[in-house]
All heavy atoms as atom14 arrays in JSON, in Angstrom:
{
  "sequence": "CISANDDSTTYGDSVKGRFTISRDSAKNMVYLQMNNLKPEDTA",
  "atom14_mask": [
    [1, 1, 1, 1, 1, 1, 0, 0, 0, 0, 0, 0, 0, 0],
    [1, 1, 1, 1, 1, 1, 1, 1, 0, 0, 0, 0, 0, 0],
    [1, 1, 1, 1, 1, 1, 0, 0, 0, 0, 0, 0, 0, 0],
    [1, 1, 1, 1, 1, 0, 0, 0, 0, 0, 0, 0, 0, 0],
    [1, 1, 1, 1, 1, 1, 1, 1, 0, 0, 0, 0, 0, 0],
    [1, 1, 1, 1, 1, 1, 1, 1, 0, 0, 0, 0, 0, 0],
    [1, 1, 1, 1, 1, 1, 1, 1, 0, 0, 0, 0, 0, 0],
    [1, 1, 1, 1, 1, 1, 0, 0, 0, 0, 0, 0, 0, 0],
    [1, 1, 1, 1, 1, 1, 1, 0, 0, 0, 0, 0, 0, 0],
    [1, 1, 1, 1, 1, 1, 1, 0, 0, 0, 0, 0, 0, 0],
    [1, 1, 1, 1, 1, 1, 1, 1, 1, 1, 1, 1, 0, 0],
    [1, 1, 1, 1, 0, 0, 0, 0, 0, 0, 0, 0, 0, 0],
    [1, 1, 1, 1, 1, 1, 1, 1, 0, 0, 0, 0, 0, 0],
    [1, 1, 1, 1, 1, 1, 0, 0, 0, 0, 0, 0, 0, 0],
    [1, 1, 1, 1, 1, 1, 1, 0, 0, 0, 0, 0, 0, 0],
    [1, 1, 1, 1, 1, 1, 1, 1, 1, 0, 0, 0, 0, 0],
    [1, 1, 1, 1, 0, 0, 0, 0, 0, 0, 0, 0, 0, 0],
    [1, 1, 1, 1, 1, 1, 1, 1, 1, 1, 1, 0, 0, 0],
    [1, 1, 1, 1, 1, 1, 1, 1, 1, 1, 1, 0, 0, 0],
    [1, 1, 1, 1, 1, 1, 1, 0, 0, 0, 0, 0, 0, 0],
    [1, 1, 1, 1, 1, 1, 1, 1, 0, 0, 0, 0, 0, 0],
    [1, 1, 1, 1, 1, 1, 0, 0, 0, 0, 0, 0, 0, 0],
    [1, 1, 1, 1, 1, 1, 1, 1, 1, 1, 1, 0, 0, 0],
    [1, 1, 1, 1, 1, 1, 1, 1, 0, 0, 0, 0, 0, 0],
    [1, 1, 1, 1, 1, 1, 0, 0, 0, 0, 0, 0, 0, 0],
    [1, 1, 1, 1, 1, 0, 0, 0, 0, 0, 0, 0, 0, 0],
    [1, 1, 1, 1, 1, 1, 1, 1, 1, 0, 0, 0, 0, 0],
    [1, 1, 1, 1, 1, 1, 1, 1, 0, 0, 0, 0, 0, 0],
    [1, 1, 1, 1, 1, 1, 1, 1, 0, 0, 0, 0, 0, 0],
    [1, 1, 1, 1, 1, 1, 1, 0, 0, 0, 0, 0, 0, 0],
    [1, 1, 1, 1, 1, 1, 1, 1, 1, 1, 1, 1, 0, 0],
    [1, 1, 1, 1, 1, 1, 1, 1, 0, 0, 0, 0, 0, 0],
    [1, 1, 1, 1, 1, 1, 1, 1, 1, 0, 0, 0, 0, 0],
    [1, 1, 1, 1, 1, 1, 1, 1, 0, 0, 0, 0, 0, 0],
    [1, 1, 1, 1, 1, 1, 1, 1, 0, 0, 0, 0, 0, 0],
    [1, 1, 1, 1, 1, 1, 1, 1, 0, 0, 0, 0, 0, 0],
    [1, 1, 1, 1, 1, 1, 1, 1, 0, 0, 0, 0, 0, 0],
    [1, 1, 1, 1, 1, 1, 1, 1, 1, 0, 0, 0, 0, 0],
    [1, 1, 1, 1, 1, 1, 1, 0, 0, 0, 0, 0, 0, 0],
    [1, 1, 1, 1, 1, 1, 1, 1, 1, 0, 0, 0, 0, 0],
    [1, 1, 1, 1, 1, 1, 1, 1, 0, 0, 0, 0, 0, 0],
    [1, 1, 1, 1, 1, 1, 1, 0, 0, 0, 0, 0, 0, 0],
    [1, 1, 1, 1, 1, 0, 0, 0, 0, 0, 0, 0, 0, 0]
  ],
  "atom14_positions": [
    [[108.94, 104.5, 115.58], [109.68, 105.74, 115.83], [110.5, 106.05, 114.61], [111.01, 105.15, 113.94], [110.58, 105.55, 117.06], [111.64, 106.94, 117.46], [0.0, 0.0, 0.0], [0.0, 0.0, 0.0], [0.0, 0.0, 0.0], [0.0, 0.0, 0.0], [0.0, 0.0, 0.0], [0.0, 0.0, 0.0], [0.0, 0.0, 0.0], [0.0, 0.0, 0.0]],
    [[110.62, 107.34, 114.31], [111.5, 107.79, 113.23], [112.43, 108.85, 113.81], [112.0, 109.81, 114.46], [110.71, 108.32, 112.02], [111.66, 108.7, 110.88], [109.8, 109.49, 112.39], [110.94, 108.87, 109.54], [0.0, 0.0, 0.0], [0.0, 0.0, 0.0], [0.0, 0.0, 0.0], [0.0, 0.0, 0.0], [0.0, 0.0, 0.0], [0.0, 0.0, 0.0]],
    [[113.74, 108.66, 113.6], [114.75, 109.51, 114.23], [114.83, 110.87, 113.56], [114.4, 111.06, 112.42], [116.1, 108.82, 114.17], [116.09, 107.59, 114.89], [0.0, 0.0, 0.0], [0.0, 0.0, 0.0], [0.0, 0.0, 0.0], [0.0, 0.0, 0.0], [0.0, 0.0, 0.0], [0.0, 0.0, 0.0], [0.0, 0.0, 0.0], [0.0, 0.0, 0.0]],
    [[115.45, 111.8, 114.28], [115.52, 113.18, 113.81], [116.56, 113.4, 112.73], [116.32, 114.09, 111.74], [115.79, 114.12, 114.98], [0.0, 0.0, 0.0], [0.0, 0.0, 0.0], [0.0, 0.0, 0.0], [0.0, 0.0, 0.0], [0.0, 0.0, 0.0], [0.0, 0.0, 0.0], [0.0, 0.0, 0.0], [0.0, 0.0, 0.0], [0.0, 0.0, 0.0]],
    [[117.76, 112.82, 112.89], [118.89, 113.13, 112.02], [119.0, 112.26, 110.78], [119.2, 112.78, 109.68], [120.18, 113.07, 112.82], [120.32, 114.2, 113.8], [119.56, 115.17, 113.77], [121.31, 114.09, 114.67], [0.0, 0.0, 0.0], [0.0, 0.0, 0.0], [0.0, 0.0, 0.0], [0.0, 0.0, 0.0], [0.0, 0.0, 0.0], [0.0, 0.0, 0.0]],
    [[118.92, 110.96, 110.96], [119.19, 110.05, 109.85], [117.95, 109.33, 109.34], [118.06, 108.47, 108.47], [120.25, 109.03, 110.24], [119.86, 108.17, 111.41], [118.73, 108.3, 111.91], [120.71, 107.34, 111.84], [0.0, 0.0, 0.0], [0.0, 0.0, 0.0], [0.0, 0.0, 0.0], [0.0, 0.0, 0.0], [0.0, 0.0, 0.0], [0.0, 0.0, 0.0]],
    [[116.78, 109.64, 109.87], [115.51, 109.04, 109.47], [115.46, 107.54, 109.7], [114.64, 106.85, 109.08], [115.2, 109.34, 108.02], [114.88, 110.79, 107.76], [114.54, 111.51, 108.72], [114.98, 111.23, 106.59], [0.0, 0.0, 0.0], [0.0, 0.0, 0.0], [0.0, 0.0, 0.0], [0.0, 0.0, 0.0], [0.0, 0.0, 0.0], [0.0, 0.0, 0.0]],
    [[116.31, 107.04, 110.57], [116.24, 105.63, 110.91], [114.94, 105.36, 111.67], [114.4, 106.24, 112.34], [117.44, 105.2, 111.74], [117.5, 105.9, 112.97], [0.0, 0.0, 0.0], [0.0, 0.0, 0.0], [0.0, 0.0, 0.0], [0.0, 0.0, 0.0], [0.0, 0.0, 0.0], [0.0, 0.0, 0.0], [0.0, 0.0, 0.0], [0.0, 0.0, 0.0]],
    [[114.44, 104.14, 111.54], [113.16, 103.79, 112.12], [113.25, 102.54, 112.97], [114.12, 101.7, 112.77], [112.09, 103.58, 111.04], [112.52, 102.53, 110.16], [111.9, 104.84, 110.22], [0.0, 0.0, 0.0], [0.0, 0.0, 0.0], [0.0, 0.0, 0.0], [0.0, 0.0, 0.0], [0.0, 0.0, 0.0], [0.0, 0.0, 0.0], [0.0, 0.0, 0.0]],
    [[112.35, 102.43, 113.91], [112.19, 101.23, 114.72], [110.71, 100.87, 114.77], [109.84, 101.72, 114.6], [112.74, 101.4, 116.14], [112.03, 102.46, 116.81], [114.23, 101.73, 116.12], [0.0, 0.0, 0.0], [0.0, 0.0, 0.0], [0.0, 0.0, 0.0], [0.0, 0.0, 0.0], [0.0, 0.0, 0.0], [0.0, 0.0, 0.0], [0.0, 0.0, 0.0]],
    [[110.46, 99.58, 115.03], [109.09, 99.08, 115.13], [108.98, 98.11, 116.27], [109.91, 97.33, 116.56], [108.68, 98.37, 113.83], [108.66, 99.29, 112.63], [109.77, 99.42, 111.81], [107.52, 100.04, 112.33], [109.76, 100.26, 110.72], [107.51, 100.89, 111.24], [108.62, 101.0, 110.43], [108.59, 101.85, 109.35], [0.0, 0.0, 0.0], [0.0, 0.0, 0.0]],
    [[107.84, 98.13, 116.91], [107.55, 97.12, 117.9], [107.39, 95.77, 117.27], [106.97, 95.65, 116.11], [0.0, 0.0, 0.0], [0.0, 0.0, 0.0], [0.0, 0.0, 0.0], [0.0, 0.0, 0.0], [0.0, 0.0, 0.0], [0.0, 0.0, 0.0], [0.0, 0.0, 0.0], [0.0, 0.0, 0.0], [0.0, 0.0, 0.0], [0.0, 0.0, 0.0]],
    [[107.71, 94.73, 118.02], [107.64, 93.38, 117.46], [106.24, 93.03, 116.97], [106.1, 92.29, 115.99], [108.09, 92.37, 118.51], [109.58, 92.44, 118.8], [110.34, 92.97, 117.96], [110.0, 91.95, 119.87], [0.0, 0.0, 0.0], [0.0, 0.0, 0.0], [0.0, 0.0, 0.0], [0.0, 0.0, 0.0], [0.0, 0.0, 0.0], [0.0, 0.0, 0.0]],
    [[105.23, 93.54, 117.63], [103.88, 93.16, 117.28], [103.41, 93.75, 115.94], [102.43, 93.26, 115.36], [102.91, 93.59, 118.38], [102.91, 94.99, 118.54], [0.0, 0.0, 0.0], [0.0, 0.0, 0.0], [0.0, 0.0, 0.0], [0.0, 0.0, 0.0], [0.0, 0.0, 0.0], [0.0, 0.0, 0.0], [0.0, 0.0, 0.0], [0.0, 0.0, 0.0]],
    [[104.09, 94.78, 115.44], [103.68, 95.43, 114.21], [104.73, 95.37, 113.11], [104.46, 95.8, 111.98], [103.27, 96.89, 114.46], [102.22, 96.98, 115.54], [104.49, 97.74, 114.82], [0.0, 0.0, 0.0], [0.0, 0.0, 0.0], [0.0, 0.0, 0.0], [0.0, 0.0, 0.0], [0.0, 0.0, 0.0], [0.0, 0.0, 0.0], [0.0, 0.0, 0.0]],
    [[105.88, 94.84, 113.41], [106.96, 94.78, 112.43], [106.53, 93.99, 111.2], [105.99, 92.9, 111.31], [108.2, 94.16, 113.07], [109.48, 94.32, 112.26], [110.68, 93.84, 113.08], [110.86, 94.67, 114.35], [112.06, 94.24, 115.12], [0.0, 0.0, 0.0], [0.0, 0.0, 0.0], [0.0, 0.0, 0.0], [0.0, 0.0, 0.0], [0.0, 0.0, 0.0]],
    [[106.78, 94.58, 110.04], [106.38, 93.96, 108.79], [105.0, 94.34, 108.33], [104.65, 94.07, 107.17], [0.0, 0.0, 0.0], [0.0, 0.0, 0.0], [0.0, 0.0, 0.0], [0.0, 0.0, 0.0], [0.0, 0.0, 0.0], [0.0, 0.0, 0.0], [0.0, 0.0, 0.0], [0.0, 0.0, 0.0], [0.0, 0.0, 0.0], [0.0, 0.0, 0.0]],
    [[104.21, 94.93, 109.2], [102.84, 95.34, 108.85], [102.66, 96.85, 108.84], [101.87, 97.37, 108.06], [101.84, 94.72, 109.82], [101.84, 93.2, 109.82], [100.69, 92.65, 110.66], [100.81, 93.02, 112.06], [99.91, 93.72, 112.74], [98.8, 94.14, 112.14], [100.1, 94.01, 114.04], [0.0, 0.0, 0.0], [0.0, 0.0, 0.0], [0.0, 0.0, 0.0]],
    [[103.38, 97.55, 109.71], [103.26, 98.99, 109.84], [104.51, 99.66, 109.29], [105.62, 99.13, 109.39], [103.09, 99.41, 111.3], [101.78, 99.03, 111.93], [100.89, 98.17, 111.31], [101.44, 99.56, 113.17], [99.7, 97.82, 111.9], [100.25, 99.22, 113.78], [99.36, 98.35, 113.15], [0.0, 0.0, 0.0], [0.0, 0.0, 0.0], [0.0, 0.0, 0.0]],
    [[104.34, 100.86, 108.72], [105.45, 101.64, 108.21], [105.28, 103.09, 108.62], [104.24, 103.7, 108.38], [105.54, 101.57, 106.68], [105.66, 100.2, 106.27], [106.75, 102.35, 106.18], [0.0, 0.0, 0.0], [0.0, 0.0, 0.0], [0.0, 0.0, 0.0], [0.0, 0.0, 0.0], [0.0, 0.0, 0.0], [0.0, 0.0, 0.0], [0.0, 0.0, 0.0]],
    [[106.32, 103.65, 109.24], [106.32, 105.06, 109.61], [107.06, 105.84, 108.54], [108.04, 105.37, 107.96], [106.95, 105.27, 111.0], [106.73, 106.71, 111.48], [108.44, 104.93, 110.98], [107.14, 106.93, 112.94], [0.0, 0.0, 0.0], [0.0, 0.0, 0.0], [0.0, 0.0, 0.0], [0.0, 0.0, 0.0], [0.0, 0.0, 0.0], [0.0, 0.0, 0.0]],
    [[106.58, 107.05, 108.25], [107.23, 107.88, 107.25], [107.02, 109.35, 107.6], [106.16, 109.71, 108.41], [106.71, 107.59, 105.84], [105.32, 107.88, 105.74], [0.0, 0.0, 0.0], [0.0, 0.0, 0.0], [0.0, 0.0, 0.0], [0.0, 0.0, 0.0], [0.0, 0.0, 0.0], [0.0, 0.0, 0.0], [0.0, 0.0, 0.0], [0.0, 0.0, 0.0]],
    [[107.84, 110.19, 106.99], [107.77, 111.63, 107.26], [107.75, 112.39, 105.94], [108.48, 112.07, 105.0], [108.97, 112.04, 108.11], [109.11, 113.54, 108.33], [109.98, 113.85, 109.53], [111.25, 113.13, 109.49], [111.87, 112.67, 110.57], [111.35, 112.84, 111.78], [113.03, 112.03, 110.44], [0.0, 0.0, 0.0], [0.0, 0.0, 0.0], [0.0, 0.0, 0.0]],
    [[106.91, 113.4, 105.87], [106.86, 114.32, 104.75], [107.19, 115.7, 105.31], [106.33, 116.39, 105.83], [105.49, 114.31, 104.09], [105.45, 115.12, 102.81], [106.26, 116.06, 102.65], [104.58, 114.84, 101.94], [0.0, 0.0, 0.0], [0.0, 0.0, 0.0], [0.0, 0.0, 0.0], [0.0, 0.0, 0.0], [0.0, 0.0, 0.0], [0.0, 0.0, 0.0]],
    [[108.45, 116.1, 105.17], [108.89, 117.35, 105.77], [108.2, 118.55, 105.15], [107.93, 119.54, 105.84], [110.41, 117.47, 105.63], [111.08, 116.46, 106.35], [0.0, 0.0, 0.0], [0.0, 0.0, 0.0], [0.0, 0.0, 0.0], [0.0, 0.0, 0.0], [0.0, 0.0, 0.0], [0.0, 0.0, 0.0], [0.0, 0.0, 0.0], [0.0, 0.0, 0.0]],
    [[107.94, 118.5, 103.85], [107.3, 119.62, 103.17], [105.91, 119.9, 103.74], [105.47, 121.04, 103.77], [107.22, 119.36, 101.68], [0.0, 0.0, 0.0], [0.0, 0.0, 0.0], [0.0, 0.0, 0.0], [0.0, 0.0, 0.0], [0.0, 0.0, 0.0], [0.0, 0.0, 0.0], [0.0, 0.0, 0.0], [0.0, 0.0, 0.0], [0.0, 0.0, 0.0]],
    [[105.22, 118.85, 104.17], [103.89, 119.0, 104.75], [103.91, 119.05, 106.27], [102.85, 119.21, 106.88], [102.99, 117.86, 104.28], [102.76, 117.84, 102.79], [101.85, 116.68, 102.4], [101.59, 116.66, 100.92], [100.72, 115.52, 100.51], [0.0, 0.0, 0.0], [0.0, 0.0, 0.0], [0.0, 0.0, 0.0], [0.0, 0.0, 0.0], [0.0, 0.0, 0.0]],
    [[105.08, 118.89, 106.87], [105.21, 118.83, 108.32], [104.3, 117.76, 108.9], [103.55, 118.0, 109.85], [104.92, 120.19, 108.96], [105.57, 120.35, 110.31], [106.63, 119.79, 110.59], [104.93, 121.12, 111.19], [0.0, 0.0, 0.0], [0.0, 0.0, 0.0], [0.0, 0.0, 0.0], [0.0, 0.0, 0.0], [0.0, 0.0, 0.0], [0.0, 0.0, 0.0]],
    [[104.39, 116.57, 108.31], [103.52, 115.46, 108.69], [104.34, 114.2, 108.88], [105.35, 113.98, 108.23], [102.47, 115.2, 107.6], [101.56, 116.37, 107.3], [100.2, 116.48, 108.49], [99.19, 115.1, 107.95], [0.0, 0.0, 0.0], [0.0, 0.0, 0.0], [0.0, 0.0, 0.0], [0.0, 0.0, 0.0], [0.0, 0.0, 0.0], [0.0, 0.0, 0.0]],
    [[103.88, 113.38, 109.78], [104.38, 112.02, 109.96], [103.2, 111.06, 109.82], [102.12, 111.34, 110.33], [105.1, 111.84, 111.32], [105.4, 110.37, 111.58], [106.4, 112.63, 111.33], [0.0, 0.0, 0.0], [0.0, 0.0, 0.0], [0.0, 0.0, 0.0], [0.0, 0.0, 0.0], [0.0, 0.0, 0.0], [0.0, 0.0, 0.0], [0.0, 0.0, 0.0]],
    [[103.43, 109.94, 109.15], [102.36, 108.99, 108.88], [102.69, 107.64, 109.47], [103.85, 107.27, 109.69], [102.16, 108.84, 107.37], [101.88, 110.13, 106.65], [102.89, 110.8, 105.98], [100.61, 110.69, 106.64], [102.65, 111.97, 105.31], [100.35, 111.88, 105.99], [101.36, 112.52, 105.32], [101.12, 113.7, 104.66], [0.0, 0.0, 0.0], [0.0, 0.0, 0.0]],
    [[101.64, 106.88, 109.71], [101.79, 105.49, 110.08], [100.85, 104.68, 109.18], [99.62, 104.74, 109.34], [101.45, 105.25, 111.55], [101.65, 103.82, 112.04], [103.14, 103.48, 112.08], [101.02, 103.62, 113.41], [0.0, 0.0, 0.0], [0.0, 0.0, 0.0], [0.0, 0.0, 0.0], [0.0, 0.0, 0.0], [0.0, 0.0, 0.0], [0.0, 0.0, 0.0]],
    [[101.43, 103.98, 108.22], [100.66, 103.1, 107.35], [100.51, 101.76, 108.04], [101.5, 101.12, 108.39], [101.36, 102.93, 106.01], [100.64, 102.01, 105.04], [99.31, 102.56, 104.58], [99.23, 103.73, 104.22], [98.28, 101.73, 104.6], [0.0, 0.0, 0.0], [0.0, 0.0, 0.0], [0.0, 0.0, 0.0], [0.0, 0.0, 0.0], [0.0, 0.0, 0.0]],
    [[99.28, 101.34, 108.23], [98.98, 100.11, 108.94], [98.3, 99.14, 107.99], [97.2, 99.41, 107.5], [98.1, 100.38, 110.15], [98.65, 101.44, 111.1], [97.65, 101.61, 112.6], [96.11, 102.19, 111.88], [0.0, 0.0, 0.0], [0.0, 0.0, 0.0], [0.0, 0.0, 0.0], [0.0, 0.0, 0.0], [0.0, 0.0, 0.0], [0.0, 0.0, 0.0]],
    [[98.95, 98.02, 107.72], [98.42, 97.01, 106.82], [98.18, 95.71, 107.57], [98.75, 95.47, 108.64], [99.4, 96.75, 105.68], [99.63, 97.97, 104.81], [98.72, 98.77, 104.6], [100.84, 98.1, 104.27], [0.0, 0.0, 0.0], [0.0, 0.0, 0.0], [0.0, 0.0, 0.0], [0.0, 0.0, 0.0], [0.0, 0.0, 0.0], [0.0, 0.0, 0.0]],
    [[97.34, 94.88, 106.99], [97.03, 93.57, 107.57], [96.64, 93.71, 109.03], [97.17, 93.02, 109.91], [98.21, 92.61, 107.41], [97.84, 91.18, 107.73], [96.69, 90.77, 107.65], [98.85, 90.39, 108.12], [0.0, 0.0, 0.0], [0.0, 0.0, 0.0], [0.0, 0.0, 0.0], [0.0, 0.0, 0.0], [0.0, 0.0, 0.0], [0.0, 0.0, 0.0]],
    [[95.7, 94.59, 109.3], [95.31, 94.86, 110.67], [94.65, 93.66, 111.33], [93.92, 92.9, 110.68], [94.39, 96.08, 110.71], [95.11, 97.41, 110.5], [94.12, 98.49, 110.1], [95.86, 97.8, 111.77], [0.0, 0.0, 0.0], [0.0, 0.0, 0.0], [0.0, 0.0, 0.0], [0.0, 0.0, 0.0], [0.0, 0.0, 0.0], [0.0, 0.0, 0.0]],
    [[94.9, 93.54, 112.62], [94.39, 92.44, 113.41], [93.54, 92.99, 114.56], [93.74, 94.13, 114.97], [95.55, 91.61, 113.98], [96.52, 91.08, 112.92], [97.67, 90.35, 113.55], [98.68, 89.91, 112.51], [98.08, 88.93, 111.56], [0.0, 0.0, 0.0], [0.0, 0.0, 0.0], [0.0, 0.0, 0.0], [0.0, 0.0, 0.0], [0.0, 0.0, 0.0]],
    [[92.61, 92.2, 115.09], [91.82, 92.68, 116.22], [92.65, 93.18, 117.38], [92.24, 94.15, 118.04], [90.98, 91.45, 116.61], [90.84, 90.7, 115.33], [92.16, 90.88, 114.62], [0.0, 0.0, 0.0], [0.0, 0.0, 0.0], [0.0, 0.0, 0.0], [0.0, 0.0, 0.0], [0.0, 0.0, 0.0], [0.0, 0.0, 0.0], [0.0, 0.0, 0.0]],
    [[93.79, 92.58, 117.62], [94.64, 93.01, 118.72], [95.31, 94.38, 118.46], [95.95, 94.92, 119.37], [95.71, 91.97, 119.04], [96.46, 91.47, 117.82], [95.9, 90.18, 117.27], [94.66, 90.08, 117.13], [96.69, 89.26, 116.97], [0.0, 0.0, 0.0], [0.0, 0.0, 0.0], [0.0, 0.0, 0.0], [0.0, 0.0, 0.0], [0.0, 0.0, 0.0]],
    [[95.16, 94.91, 117.26], [95.64, 96.26, 116.98], [94.66, 97.33, 117.47], [94.99, 98.52, 117.41], [95.87, 96.45, 115.48], [96.99, 95.59, 114.93], [98.04, 95.46, 115.62], [96.82, 95.06, 113.82], [0.0, 0.0, 0.0], [0.0, 0.0, 0.0], [0.0, 0.0, 0.0], [0.0, 0.0, 0.0], [0.0, 0.0, 0.0], [0.0, 0.0, 0.0]],
    [[93.49, 96.92, 117.92], [92.5, 97.88, 118.4], [93.04, 98.64, 119.59], [93.44, 98.05, 120.6], [91.21, 97.15, 118.76], [90.65, 96.54, 117.61], [90.19, 98.12, 119.35], [0.0, 0.0, 0.0], [0.0, 0.0, 0.0], [0.0, 0.0, 0.0], [0.0, 0.0, 0.0], [0.0, 0.0, 0.0], [0.0, 0.0, 0.0], [0.0, 0.0, 0.0]],
    [[93.05, 99.96, 119.48], [93.6, 100.8, 120.54], [93.44, 102.26, 120.14], [93.06, 102.57, 119.01], [95.09, 100.5, 120.77], [0.0, 0.0, 0.0], [0.0, 0.0, 0.0], [0.0, 0.0, 0.0], [0.0, 0.0, 0.0], [0.0, 0.0, 0.0], [0.0, 0.0, 0.0], [0.0, 0.0, 0.0], [0.0, 0.0, 0.0], [0.0, 0.0, 0.0]]
  ]
}
């Protein structure tokens, strides 16, 4: 999750350290970079 006002972020325990959320306001986009993917990430 990425907050509206201060851009603070939270992550689930299962993805912490591997996934990164970010926002590009100019493009009106939010991204989720997923690294070191595991079979249990399938969803």
